[in-house]
Amino acid sequence: MKAILLREKGAIGNVLVEEIPKPLPQPNEVLVKVYAAGVNPVDWKAAVYGYFELPHIVGTDIAGVIEAVGREVVDFKPGDEIIGSIEWTKQGAFTEYVATKTQYITRKPNNVNWVEAAAIPLAALTAWQALFDHGHIQPGQKVVIQAAAGGVGLFAVQFAKWKGAYVVGTASEVNDAFVKSFGADEVVDYHTTKLTDRVMGADMVLDSIATPEVQEECFEALKNGGHYVSITAGPREELQKGYDIHATRFLFVSHQAQLQQIVGLIEQGIVKVHVDKTFPLAEAKDALEYVHKGRTRGKVVLTVV
C-alpha cells in the first residue's frame, strides 16, 4: 500500500511516498480502508521539528470504511463508515490502510462526504476541548476566537454560538463575511485593528496564534478571572503575573464520546464543515506546504480513494 513516511526531520520536503506492507489488525483493533485524511498544522511541524518517533507515517485524522475487525472488537463491524483521530504517539493517517483501536474512532456523520468527514476530528475536538474543558464557557459570555477562519477557528465559532455565547472572531478583512456566515457576531481585522480597540471584558479567548504581541492583546481584552486558552505557545510567566487570568495551553486528546457529540451536531445541521482545498495522497508534501502558509479557510484534506 502507499503511505506518506517521514524518516528524517528538518523539512517538509522530507516526507516521502513509499510502498509498505498492509497492516494486520491486532485482536483489539480494526483495519480501516482510508478514503480521506485531514491535514493539520502538527503534520508539517512534525516534519520540521520531529515531534514523533521516526520513521512514522504522517497524519492523525482519517475517514474510511472498516475492512476487518480483530476478534475482541464488538462495537464495530466490517462495512462501518468511520472517522477518527488515531493514536497520537503513533500517527499513521496518510496511507491507504490503518489499523487502530476502536477508542479513537466513531461513526461518520451521514450528511457529509468523505472529504468533509476527514476534516472533522482533530480540529473539532481541539475547539470543543478548548471552549468547554478549559475555557468553561457559558451562555451569554463574550468569547474571542483568534484565527477564526482556520480549521479550529471555524469549529470554535460554531460551538461557542451553539452554546449561546457572543462570539468575536479575528480574521483578515477578506474573511469578514465568511466568518460571520458561520455564526460570529463580530469580526476584528487583525491587520488593521488591535483587539483591545474593539473588545474589553471578554470571558474567554481561544488563541491559536500566540505570538507575544497577540498574547498580550488577549490578556488585555479579558476581564479579571477570564480564561485564556492557547493551542500553540504557552502563556509567558511574566505576562501572567500582571493579570488575574486563568491561562493554559493544552494539547487535544482523541475522545470518542466528544466526537460522537460533534457528529450529532453536524447531522442536525447545527455545525458545518468547510474544506478549503484537497490534494491527492501522493501530493502530501504540497498539502503540508499549503497548510504551512497559514492562510487556509477551514481544512485541507488528502484524498486517498
C-alpha atoms as a PDB file:
ATOM      1  CA  MET A   1       0.000   0.000   0.000  1.00  0.00           C
ATOM      2  CA  LYS A   2       1.048   3.627  -0.475  1.00  0.00           C
ATOM      3  CA  ALA A   3       1.943   5.682   2.590  1.00  0.00           C
ATOM      4  CA  ILE A   4       3.493   9.064   3.340  1.00  0.00           C
ATOM      5  CA  LEU A   5       6.520   8.438   5.543  1.00  0.00           C
ATOM      6  CA  LEU A   6       8.827  10.741   7.423  1.00  0.00           C
ATOM      7  CA  ARG A   7      12.228   9.190   8.033  1.00  0.00           C
ATOM      8  CA  GLU A   8      14.209  12.302   8.900  1.00  0.00           C
ATOM      9  CA  LYS A   9      13.109  15.578  10.482  1.00  0.00           C
ATOM     10  CA  GLY A  10      14.167  19.023   9.333  1.00  0.00           C
ATOM     11  CA  ALA A  11      11.995  19.948   6.364  1.00  0.00           C
ATOM     12  CA  ILE A  12       8.549  19.406   4.888  1.00  0.00           C
ATOM     13  CA  GLY A  13      10.304  18.098   1.788  1.00  0.00           C
ATOM     14  CA  ASN A  14      11.482  15.099   3.807  1.00  0.00           C
ATOM     15  CA  VAL A  15       8.086  13.383   3.530  1.00  0.00           C
ATOM     16  CA  LEU A  16       8.195  10.532   1.029  1.00  0.00           C
ATOM     17  CA  VAL A  17       5.668   8.415  -0.838  1.00  0.00           C
ATOM     18  CA  GLU A  18       6.566   4.780  -0.180  1.00  0.00           C
ATOM     19  CA  GLU A  19       5.140   1.299  -0.679  1.00  0.00           C
ATOM     20  CA  ILE A  20       4.845  -0.549   2.638  1.00  0.00           C
ATOM     21  CA  PRO A  21       3.027  -3.705   3.789  1.00  0.00           C
ATOM     22  CA  LYS A  22      -0.666  -3.506   4.595  1.00  0.00           C
ATOM     23  CA  PRO A  23      -1.114  -3.668   8.382  1.00  0.00           C
ATOM     24  CA  LEU A  24      -2.750  -6.572  10.193  1.00  0.00           C
ATOM     25  CA  PRO A  25      -5.172  -5.570  12.962  1.00  0.00           C
ATOM     26  CA  GLN A  26      -4.466  -6.775  16.486  1.00  0.00           C
ATOM     27  CA  PRO A  27      -7.280  -8.542  18.398  1.00  0.00           C
ATOM     28  CA  ASN A  28      -8.470  -5.185  19.804  1.00  0.00           C
ATOM     29  CA  GLU A  29      -8.113  -3.243  16.529  1.00  0.00           C
ATOM     30  CA  VAL A  30      -9.979  -2.638  13.298  1.00  0.00           C
ATOM     31  CA  LEU A  31      -8.478  -2.342   9.827  1.00  0.00           C
ATOM     32  CA  VAL A  32      -9.718   0.782   8.052  1.00  0.00           C
ATOM     33  CA  LYS A  33      -9.566   1.439   4.323  1.00  0.00           C
ATOM     34  CA  VAL A  34      -8.821   5.159   4.314  1.00  0.00           C
ATOM     35  CA  TYR A  35     -10.874   7.289   1.924  1.00  0.00           C
ATOM     36  CA  ALA A  36      -9.553  10.692   3.039  1.00  0.00           C
ATOM     37  CA  ALA A  37      -7.150  12.096   5.636  1.00  0.00           C
ATOM     38  CA  GLY A  38      -7.285  15.515   7.273  1.00  0.00           C
ATOM     39  CA  VAL A  39      -4.176  17.696   7.207  1.00  0.00           C
ATOM     40  CA  ASN A  40      -3.339  19.637  10.383  1.00  0.00           C
ATOM     41  CA  PRO A  41      -0.587  22.116  11.311  1.00  0.00           C
ATOM     42  CA  VAL A  42       1.027  19.496  13.551  1.00  0.00           C
ATOM     43  CA  ASP A  43       1.738  17.439  10.429  1.00  0.00           C
ATOM     44  CA  TRP A  44       4.114  19.947   8.858  1.00  0.00           C
ATOM     45  CA  LYS A  45       5.543  20.811  12.276  1.00  0.00           C
ATOM     46  CA  ALA A  46       6.326  17.139  12.873  1.00  0.00           C
ATOM     47  CA  ALA A  47       8.221  17.047   9.585  1.00  0.00           C
ATOM     48  CA  VAL A  48      10.247  20.104  10.530  1.00  0.00           C
ATOM     49  CA  TYR A  49      10.761  19.538  14.266  1.00  0.00           C
ATOM     50  CA  GLY A  50      10.432  15.762  14.652  1.00  0.00           C
ATOM     51  CA  TYR A  51       7.708  15.530  17.281  1.00  0.00           C
ATOM     52  CA  PHE A  52       7.204  11.775  16.895  1.00  0.00           C
ATOM     53  CA  GLU A  53       9.463   8.745  16.846  1.00  0.00           C
ATOM     54  CA  LEU A  54      10.998   8.239  13.408  1.00  0.00           C
ATOM     55  CA  PRO A  55      10.239   6.789  10.987  1.00  0.00           C
ATOM     56  CA  HIS A  56       6.479   7.218  11.047  1.00  0.00           C
ATOM     57  CA  ILE A  57       3.541   7.574   8.707  1.00  0.00           C
ATOM     58  CA  VAL A  58       2.400  11.203   8.839  1.00  0.00           C
ATOM     59  CA  GLY A  59      -1.053  12.297   9.975  1.00  0.00           C
ATOM     60  CA  THR A  60      -3.733  11.606  12.569  1.00  0.00           C
ATOM     61  CA  ASP A  61      -7.192  12.254  11.026  1.00  0.00           C
ATOM     62  CA  ILE A  62      -8.918   9.539   8.990  1.00  0.00           C
ATOM     63  CA  ALA A  63     -12.253   8.872   7.325  1.00  0.00           C
ATOM     64  CA  GLY A  64     -12.885   5.470   5.843  1.00  0.00           C
ATOM     65  CA  VAL A  65     -14.565   2.090   5.903  1.00  0.00           C
ATOM     66  CA  ILE A  66     -13.765  -0.777   8.262  1.00  0.00           C
ATOM     67  CA  GLU A  67     -12.485  -3.710   6.241  1.00  0.00           C
ATOM     68  CA  ALA A  68     -11.762  -6.182   9.047  1.00  0.00           C
ATOM     69  CA  VAL A  69     -12.043  -6.387  12.850  1.00  0.00           C
ATOM     70  CA  GLY A  70      -9.966  -8.145  15.486  1.00  0.00           C
ATOM     71  CA  ARG A  71     -11.566 -10.967  17.434  1.00  0.00           C
ATOM     72  CA  GLU A  72     -12.037  -8.818  20.563  1.00  0.00           C
ATOM     73  CA  VAL A  73     -13.877  -5.998  18.752  1.00  0.00           C
ATOM     74  CA  VAL A  74     -17.620  -5.948  19.403  1.00  0.00           C
ATOM     75  CA  ASP A  75     -18.690  -2.336  18.774  1.00  0.00           C
ATOM     76  CA  PHE A  76     -17.755  -2.108  15.070  1.00  0.00           C
ATOM     77  CA  LYS A  77     -18.074  -4.416  12.085  1.00  0.00           C
ATOM     78  CA  PRO A  78     -16.799  -4.606   8.507  1.00  0.00           C
ATOM     79  CA  GLY A  79     -18.527  -2.043   6.316  1.00  0.00           C
ATOM     80  CA  ASP A  80     -18.952   0.576   9.045  1.00  0.00           C
ATOM     81  CA  GLU A  81     -18.115   4.105   7.880  1.00  0.00           C
ATOM     82  CA  ILE A  82     -15.958   5.848  10.469  1.00  0.00           C
ATOM     83  CA  ILE A  83     -13.931   8.936  11.307  1.00  0.00           C
ATOM     84  CA  GLY A  84     -11.315   9.464  13.975  1.00  0.00           C
ATOM     85  CA  SER A  85      -8.053  10.864  15.229  1.00  0.00           C
ATOM     86  CA  ILE A  86      -5.893   7.810  15.685  1.00  0.00           C
ATOM     87  CA  GLU A  87      -3.340   7.213  18.425  1.00  0.00           C
ATOM     88  CA  TRP A  88      -1.316  10.402  18.829  1.00  0.00           C
ATOM     89  CA  THR A  89       2.100   8.911  19.527  1.00  0.00           C
ATOM     90  CA  LYS A  90       1.875   6.544  16.554  1.00  0.00           C
ATOM     91  CA  GLN A  91       0.308   8.861  13.939  1.00  0.00           C
ATOM     92  CA  GLY A  92      -0.280   6.963  10.687  1.00  0.00           C
ATOM     93  CA  ALA A  93      -3.196   8.558   8.779  1.00  0.00           C
ATOM     94  CA  PHE A  94      -1.618   9.407   5.411  1.00  0.00           C
ATOM     95  CA  THR A  95      -1.915   5.947   3.912  1.00  0.00           C
ATOM     96  CA  GLU A  96      -4.321   3.567   2.210  1.00  0.00           C
ATOM     97  CA  TYR A  97      -4.980   1.369   5.263  1.00  0.00           C
ATOM     98  CA  VAL A  98      -4.815   1.967   9.020  1.00  0.00           C
ATOM     99  CA  ALA A  99      -5.068  -0.453  11.934  1.00  0.00           C
ATOM    100  CA  THR A 100      -6.417   1.325  15.019  1.00  0.00           C
ATOM    101  CA  LYS A 101      -8.062   0.694  18.362  1.00  0.00           C
ATOM    102  CA  THR A 102     -11.763   1.493  18.378  1.00  0.00           C
ATOM    103  CA  GLN A 103     -11.447   4.077  21.174  1.00  0.00           C
ATOM    104  CA  TYR A 104     -10.070   6.518  18.585  1.00  0.00           C
ATOM    105  CA  ILE A 105     -12.942   6.299  16.101  1.00  0.00           C
ATOM    106  CA  THR A 106     -16.664   6.851  15.816  1.00  0.00           C
ATOM    107  CA  ARG A 107     -19.227   6.591  13.066  1.00  0.00           C
ATOM    108  CA  LYS A 108     -19.075   9.063  10.190  1.00  0.00           C
ATOM    109  CA  PRO A 109     -21.793  11.744  10.005  1.00  0.00           C
ATOM    110  CA  ASN A 110     -24.383  10.620   7.486  1.00  0.00           C
ATOM    111  CA  ASN A 111     -24.765  14.037   5.841  1.00  0.00           C
ATOM    112  CA  VAL A 112     -21.169  14.782   4.796  1.00  0.00           C
ATOM    113  CA  ASN A 113     -18.913  13.324   2.114  1.00  0.00           C
ATOM    114  CA  TRP A 114     -15.600  11.591   2.760  1.00  0.00           C
ATOM    115  CA  VAL A 115     -13.508  14.726   2.324  1.00  0.00           C
ATOM    116  CA  GLU A 116     -15.644  16.704   4.764  1.00  0.00           C
ATOM    117  CA  ALA A 117     -15.638  13.788   7.192  1.00  0.00           C
ATOM    118  CA  ALA A 118     -11.839  13.696   7.292  1.00  0.00           C
ATOM    119  CA  ALA A 119     -11.763  17.413   8.115  1.00  0.00           C
ATOM    120  CA  ILE A 120     -13.585  16.938  11.397  1.00  0.00           C
ATOM    121  CA  PRO A 121     -11.737  15.041  14.150  1.00  0.00           C
ATOM    122  CA  LEU A 122      -8.649  16.879  15.395  1.00  0.00           C
ATOM    123  CA  ALA A 123      -9.802  20.425  14.635  1.00  0.00           C
ATOM    124  CA  ALA A 124     -13.283  19.912  16.047  1.00  0.00           C
ATOM    125  CA  LEU A 125     -12.047  18.131  19.170  1.00  0.00           C
ATOM    126  CA  THR A 126      -9.452  20.850  19.758  1.00  0.00           C
ATOM    127  CA  ALA A 127     -12.121  23.560  19.535  1.00  0.00           C
ATOM    128  CA  TRP A 128     -14.518  21.587  21.753  1.00  0.00           C
ATOM    129  CA  GLN A 129     -11.955  20.921  24.470  1.00  0.00           C
ATOM    130  CA  ALA A 130     -10.622  24.489  24.376  1.00  0.00           C
ATOM    131  CA  LEU A 131     -14.061  26.019  24.851  1.00  0.00           C
ATOM    132  CA  PHE A 132     -15.709  23.560  27.211  1.00  0.00           C
ATOM    133  CA  ASP A 133     -12.992  21.623  29.067  1.00  0.00           C
ATOM    134  CA  HIS A 134     -10.558  24.526  29.511  1.00  0.00           C
ATOM    135  CA  GLY A 135     -12.477  27.738  28.770  1.00  0.00           C
ATOM    136  CA  HIS A 136     -15.629  26.674  30.652  1.00  0.00           C
ATOM    137  CA  ILE A 137     -17.775  28.964  28.512  1.00  0.00           C
ATOM    138  CA  GLN A 138     -21.394  29.628  29.456  1.00  0.00           C
ATOM    139  CA  PRO A 139     -24.416  31.111  27.655  1.00  0.00           C
ATOM    140  CA  GLY A 140     -24.252  34.886  27.385  1.00  0.00           C
ATOM    141  CA  GLN A 141     -20.492  35.126  27.782  1.00  0.00           C
ATOM    142  CA  LYS A 142     -18.251  37.009  25.354  1.00  0.00           C
ATOM    143  CA  VAL A 143     -15.816  34.674  23.637  1.00  0.00           C
ATOM    144  CA  VAL A 144     -12.940  35.671  21.342  1.00  0.00           C
ATOM    145  CA  ILE A 145     -11.707  33.214  18.702  1.00  0.00           C
ATOM    146  CA  GLN A 146      -8.327  34.089  17.202  1.00  0.00           C
ATOM    147  CA  ALA A 147      -7.766  32.986  13.584  1.00  0.00           C
ATOM    148  CA  ALA A 148     -11.481  32.350  13.284  1.00  0.00           C
ATOM    149  CA  ALA A 149     -11.355  31.392   9.593  1.00  0.00           C
ATOM    150  CA  GLY A 150      -8.976  28.492  10.212  1.00  0.00           C
ATOM    151  CA  GLY A 151      -9.714  24.844  10.841  1.00  0.00           C
ATOM    152  CA  VAL A 152     -10.026  25.052  14.620  1.00  0.00           C
ATOM    153  CA  GLY A 153     -11.410  28.573  14.475  1.00  0.00           C
ATOM    154  CA  LEU A 154     -14.455  27.786  12.338  1.00  0.00           C
ATOM    155  CA  PHE A 155     -15.478  24.904  14.589  1.00  0.00           C
ATOM    156  CA  ALA A 156     -14.898  27.058  17.683  1.00  0.00           C
ATOM    157  CA  VAL A 157     -17.073  29.873  16.330  1.00  0.00           C
ATOM    158  CA  GLN A 158     -19.911  27.430  15.740  1.00  0.00           C
ATOM    159  CA  PHE A 159     -19.585  25.608  19.064  1.00  0.00           C
ATOM    160  CA  ALA A 160     -19.473  28.879  21.014  1.00  0.00           C
ATOM    161  CA  LYS A 161     -22.528  30.199  19.170  1.00  0.00           C
ATOM    162  CA  TRP A 162     -24.383  26.922  19.777  1.00  0.00           C
ATOM    163  CA  LYS A 163     -23.576  27.294  23.479  1.00  0.00           C
ATOM    164  CA  GLY A 164     -25.178  30.766  23.472  1.00  0.00           C
ATOM    165  CA  ALA A 165     -22.043  32.903  23.663  1.00  0.00           C
ATOM    166  CA  TYR A 166     -21.457  36.264  21.989  1.00  0.00           C
ATOM    167  CA  VAL A 167     -18.687  35.418  19.532  1.00  0.00           C
ATOM    168  CA  VAL A 168     -15.925  37.728  18.332  1.00  0.00           C
ATOM    169  CA  GLY A 169     -13.603  36.320  15.691  1.00  0.00           C
ATOM    170  CA  THR A 170     -10.328  37.724  14.421  1.00  0.00           C
ATOM    171  CA  ALA A 171      -9.633  37.370  10.699  1.00  0.00           C
ATOM    172  CA  SER A 172      -8.455  39.351   7.706  1.00  0.00           C
ATOM    173  CA  GLU A 173     -10.944  41.703   6.091  1.00  0.00           C
ATOM    174  CA  VAL A 174     -11.475  39.333   3.159  1.00  0.00           C
ATOM    175  CA  ASN A 175     -12.800  36.715   5.602  1.00  0.00           C
ATOM    176  CA  ASP A 176     -15.203  39.021   7.451  1.00  0.00           C
ATOM    177  CA  ALA A 177     -18.411  37.841   5.778  1.00  0.00           C
ATOM    178  CA  PHE A 178     -17.130  34.264   5.650  1.00  0.00           C
ATOM    179  CA  VAL A 179     -16.585  34.039   9.423  1.00  0.00           C
ATOM    180  CA  LYS A 180     -19.903  35.762  10.131  1.00  0.00           C
ATOM    181  CA  SER A 181     -21.632  33.179   7.938  1.00  0.00           C
ATOM    182  CA  PHE A 182     -20.531  30.558  10.477  1.00  0.00           C
ATOM    183  CA  GLY A 183     -22.076  32.494  13.358  1.00  0.00           C
ATOM    184  CA  ALA A 184     -19.607  35.142  14.559  1.00  0.00           C
ATOM    185  CA  ASP A 185     -21.300  38.273  15.917  1.00  0.00           C
ATOM    186  CA  GLU A 186     -18.270  40.457  15.219  1.00  0.00           C
ATOM    187  CA  VAL A 187     -15.079  40.075  13.218  1.00  0.00           C
ATOM    188  CA  VAL A 188     -11.962  42.105  14.038  1.00  0.00           C
ATOM    189  CA  ASP A 189      -9.497  42.621  11.173  1.00  0.00           C
ATOM    190  CA  TYR A 190      -6.179  41.808  12.843  1.00  0.00           C
ATOM    191  CA  HIS A 191      -4.270  43.564  10.053  1.00  0.00           C
ATOM    192  CA  THR A 192      -5.701  46.991  10.844  1.00  0.00           C
ATOM    193  CA  THR A 193      -7.229  46.841  14.318  1.00  0.00           C
ATOM    194  CA  LYS A 194      -5.963  45.965  17.777  1.00  0.00           C
ATOM    195  CA  LEU A 195      -8.238  43.500  19.513  1.00  0.00           C
ATOM    196  CA  THR A 196      -8.483  45.780  22.543  1.00  0.00           C
ATOM    197  CA  ASP A 197      -9.778  48.633  20.386  1.00  0.00           C
ATOM    198  CA  ARG A 198     -12.918  46.564  19.848  1.00  0.00           C
ATOM    199  CA  VAL A 199     -13.090  44.124  22.756  1.00  0.00           C
ATOM    200  CA  MET A 200     -12.696  44.526  26.512  1.00  0.00           C
ATOM    201  CA  GLY A 201     -14.043  42.423  29.354  1.00  0.00           C
ATOM    202  CA  ALA A 202     -14.152  39.168  27.405  1.00  0.00           C
ATOM    203  CA  ASP A 203     -14.830  35.994  29.353  1.00  0.00           C
ATOM    204  CA  MET A 204     -12.645  33.699  27.280  1.00  0.00           C
ATOM    205  CA  VAL A 205     -10.099  33.830  24.457  1.00  0.00           C
ATOM    206  CA  LEU A 206      -9.072  30.881  22.305  1.00  0.00           C
ATOM    207  CA  ASP A 207      -5.651  31.721  20.891  1.00  0.00           C
ATOM    208  CA  SER A 208      -4.194  29.671  18.055  1.00  0.00           C
ATOM    209  CA  ILE A 209      -1.641  32.361  17.139  1.00  0.00           C
ATOM    210  CA  ALA A 210       0.019  33.071  20.499  1.00  0.00           C
ATOM    211  CA  THR A 211       2.808  35.371  19.415  1.00  0.00           C
ATOM    212  CA  PRO A 212       3.967  37.598  22.301  1.00  0.00           C
ATOM    213  CA  GLU A 213       2.047  40.563  20.857  1.00  0.00           C
ATOM    214  CA  VAL A 214      -1.160  38.597  20.354  1.00  0.00           C
ATOM    215  CA  GLN A 215      -0.937  37.043  23.804  1.00  0.00           C
ATOM    216  CA  GLU A 216      -0.647  40.474  25.397  1.00  0.00           C
ATOM    217  CA  GLU A 217      -3.662  41.750  23.462  1.00  0.00           C
ATOM    218  CA  CYS A 218      -5.637  38.691  24.519  1.00  0.00           C
ATOM    219  CA  PHE A 219      -4.814  39.214  28.200  1.00  0.00           C
ATOM    220  CA  GLU A 220      -5.740  42.898  27.985  1.00  0.00           C
ATOM    221  CA  ALA A 221      -9.063  42.031  26.346  1.00  0.00           C
ATOM    222  CA  LEU A 222     -10.061  39.596  29.108  1.00  0.00           C
ATOM    223  CA  LYS A 223     -11.903  40.505  32.286  1.00  0.00           C
ATOM    224  CA  ASN A 224     -10.474  39.630  35.686  1.00  0.00           C
ATOM    225  CA  GLY A 225     -10.937  35.928  36.193  1.00  0.00           C
ATOM    226  CA  GLY A 226     -11.324  35.302  32.458  1.00  0.00           C
ATOM    227  CA  HIS A 227      -9.915  32.280  30.670  1.00  0.00           C
ATOM    228  CA  TYR A 228      -7.055  32.371  28.169  1.00  0.00           C
ATOM    229  CA  VAL A 229      -6.604  29.099  26.279  1.00  0.00           C
ATOM    230  CA  SER A 230      -3.751  28.582  23.820  1.00  0.00           C
ATOM    231  CA  ILE A 231      -3.337  25.658  21.460  1.00  0.00           C
ATOM    232  CA  THR A 232       0.153  26.705  20.358  1.00  0.00           C
ATOM    233  CA  ALA A 233       2.611  28.587  22.591  1.00  0.00           C
ATOM    234  CA  GLY A 234       2.060  28.642  26.325  1.00  0.00           C
ATOM    235  CA  PRO A 235       1.402  31.955  28.100  1.00  0.00           C
ATOM    236  CA  ARG A 236       4.555  33.694  29.249  1.00  0.00           C
ATOM    237  CA  GLU A 237       5.148  33.669  33.000  1.00  0.00           C
ATOM    238  CA  GLU A 238       5.899  37.390  33.179  1.00  0.00           C
ATOM    239  CA  LEU A 239       2.663  38.142  31.345  1.00  0.00           C
ATOM    240  CA  GLN A 240       0.603  36.015  33.695  1.00  0.00           C
ATOM    241  CA  LYS A 241       1.966  37.853  36.732  1.00  0.00           C
ATOM    242  CA  GLY A 242       0.376  41.102  35.585  1.00  0.00           C
ATOM    243  CA  TYR A 243      -3.175  39.794  35.192  1.00  0.00           C
ATOM    244  CA  ASP A 244      -5.817  37.922  37.148  1.00  0.00           C
ATOM    245  CA  ILE A 245      -6.380  35.440  34.339  1.00  0.00           C
ATOM    246  CA  HIS A 246      -6.792  31.660  34.179  1.00  0.00           C
ATOM    247  CA  ALA A 247      -4.261  30.800  31.471  1.00  0.00           C
ATOM    248  CA  THR A 248      -3.459  27.431  29.967  1.00  0.00           C
ATOM    249  CA  ARG A 249      -2.015  25.736  26.927  1.00  0.00           C
ATOM    250  CA  PHE A 250      -3.243  22.276  26.059  1.00  0.00           C
ATOM    251  CA  LEU A 251      -2.915  19.505  23.512  1.00  0.00           C
ATOM    252  CA  PHE A 252      -6.110  17.862  22.306  1.00  0.00           C
ATOM    253  CA  VAL A 253      -6.871  14.240  23.154  1.00  0.00           C
ATOM    254  CA  SER A 254      -8.767  11.848  20.921  1.00  0.00           C
ATOM    255  CA  HIS A 255     -12.110  11.460  22.715  1.00  0.00           C
ATOM    256  CA  GLN A 256     -14.751   9.168  21.287  1.00  0.00           C
ATOM    257  CA  ALA A 257     -17.710  10.474  23.321  1.00  0.00           C
ATOM    258  CA  GLN A 258     -16.967  14.106  22.456  1.00  0.00           C
ATOM    259  CA  LEU A 259     -16.525  13.217  18.797  1.00  0.00           C
ATOM    260  CA  GLN A 260     -19.915  11.488  18.881  1.00  0.00           C
ATOM    261  CA  GLN A 261     -21.484  14.691  20.244  1.00  0.00           C
ATOM    262  CA  ILE A 262     -19.857  16.676  17.445  1.00  0.00           C
ATOM    263  CA  VAL A 263     -21.129  14.199  14.844  1.00  0.00           C
ATOM    264  CA  GLY A 264     -24.616  14.712  16.261  1.00  0.00           C
ATOM    265  CA  LEU A 265     -24.384  18.486  15.842  1.00  0.00           C
ATOM    266  CA  ILE A 266     -23.205  18.053  12.257  1.00  0.00           C
ATOM    267  CA  GLU A 267     -26.017  15.651  11.436  1.00  0.00           C
ATOM    268  CA  GLN A 268     -28.526  18.112  12.900  1.00  0.00           C
ATOM    269  CA  GLY A 269     -27.162  20.859  10.642  1.00  0.00           C
ATOM    270  CA  ILE A 270     -26.042  22.949  13.623  1.00  0.00           C
ATOM    271  CA  VAL A 271     -22.352  22.691  12.713  1.00  0.00           C
ATOM    272  CA  LYS A 272     -20.976  22.921   9.169  1.00  0.00           C
ATOM    273  CA  VAL A 273     -17.708  21.600   7.786  1.00  0.00           C
ATOM    274  CA  HIS A 274     -15.684  23.699   5.357  1.00  0.00           C
ATOM    275  CA  VAL A 275     -12.858  22.292   3.244  1.00  0.00           C
ATOM    276  CA  ASP A 276     -10.531  24.825   1.657  1.00  0.00           C
ATOM    277  CA  LYS A 277      -8.621  22.520  -0.683  1.00  0.00           C
ATOM    278  CA  THR A 278      -7.929  18.867  -1.402  1.00  0.00           C
ATOM    279  CA  PHE A 279      -4.775  17.121  -2.599  1.00  0.00           C
ATOM    280  CA  PRO A 280      -4.270  13.517  -3.674  1.00  0.00           C
ATOM    281  CA  LEU A 281      -2.314  11.345  -1.255  1.00  0.00           C
ATOM    282  CA  ALA A 282       0.778  11.381  -3.442  1.00  0.00           C
ATOM    283  CA  GLU A 283       0.904  15.196  -3.180  1.00  0.00           C
ATOM    284  CA  ALA A 284       1.007  15.249   0.609  1.00  0.00           C
ATOM    285  CA  LYS A 285       4.130  17.419   0.566  1.00  0.00           C
ATOM    286  CA  ASP A 286       2.276  20.105  -1.373  1.00  0.00           C
ATOM    287  CA  ALA A 287      -0.630  19.888   1.078  1.00  0.00           C
ATOM    288  CA  LEU A 288       1.727  20.366   4.030  1.00  0.00           C
ATOM    289  CA  GLU A 289       3.348  23.350   2.322  1.00  0.00           C
ATOM    290  CA  TYR A 290      -0.081  24.866   1.720  1.00  0.00           C
ATOM    291  CA  VAL A 291      -1.104  24.482   5.362  1.00  0.00           C
ATOM    292  CA  HIS A 292       2.283  25.857   6.436  1.00  0.00           C
ATOM    293  CA  LYS A 293       1.410  29.159   4.737  1.00  0.00           C
ATOM    294  CA  GLY A 294      -1.281  29.655   7.375  1.00  0.00           C
ATOM    295  CA  ARG A 295      -3.948  31.160   5.144  1.00  0.00           C
ATOM    296  CA  THR A 296      -6.435  28.336   4.895  1.00  0.00           C
ATOM    297  CA  ARG A 297     -10.187  28.739   5.216  1.00  0.00           C
ATOM    298  CA  GLY A 298     -11.272  25.742   7.190  1.00  0.00           C
ATOM    299  CA  LYS A 299      -9.431  22.497   6.479  1.00  0.00           C
ATOM    300  CA  VAL A 300      -7.161  20.865   3.924  1.00  0.00           C
ATOM    301  CA  VAL A 301      -7.727  17.188   3.148  1.00  0.00           C
ATOM    302  CA  LEU A 302      -5.859  14.420   1.320  1.00  0.00           C
ATOM    303  CA  THR A 303      -7.994  12.221  -0.916  1.00  0.00           C
ATOM    304  CA  VAL A 304      -6.983   8.575  -0.812  1.00  0.00           C
ATOM    305  CA  VAL A 305      -9.791   6.834  -2.729  1.00  0.00           C
END
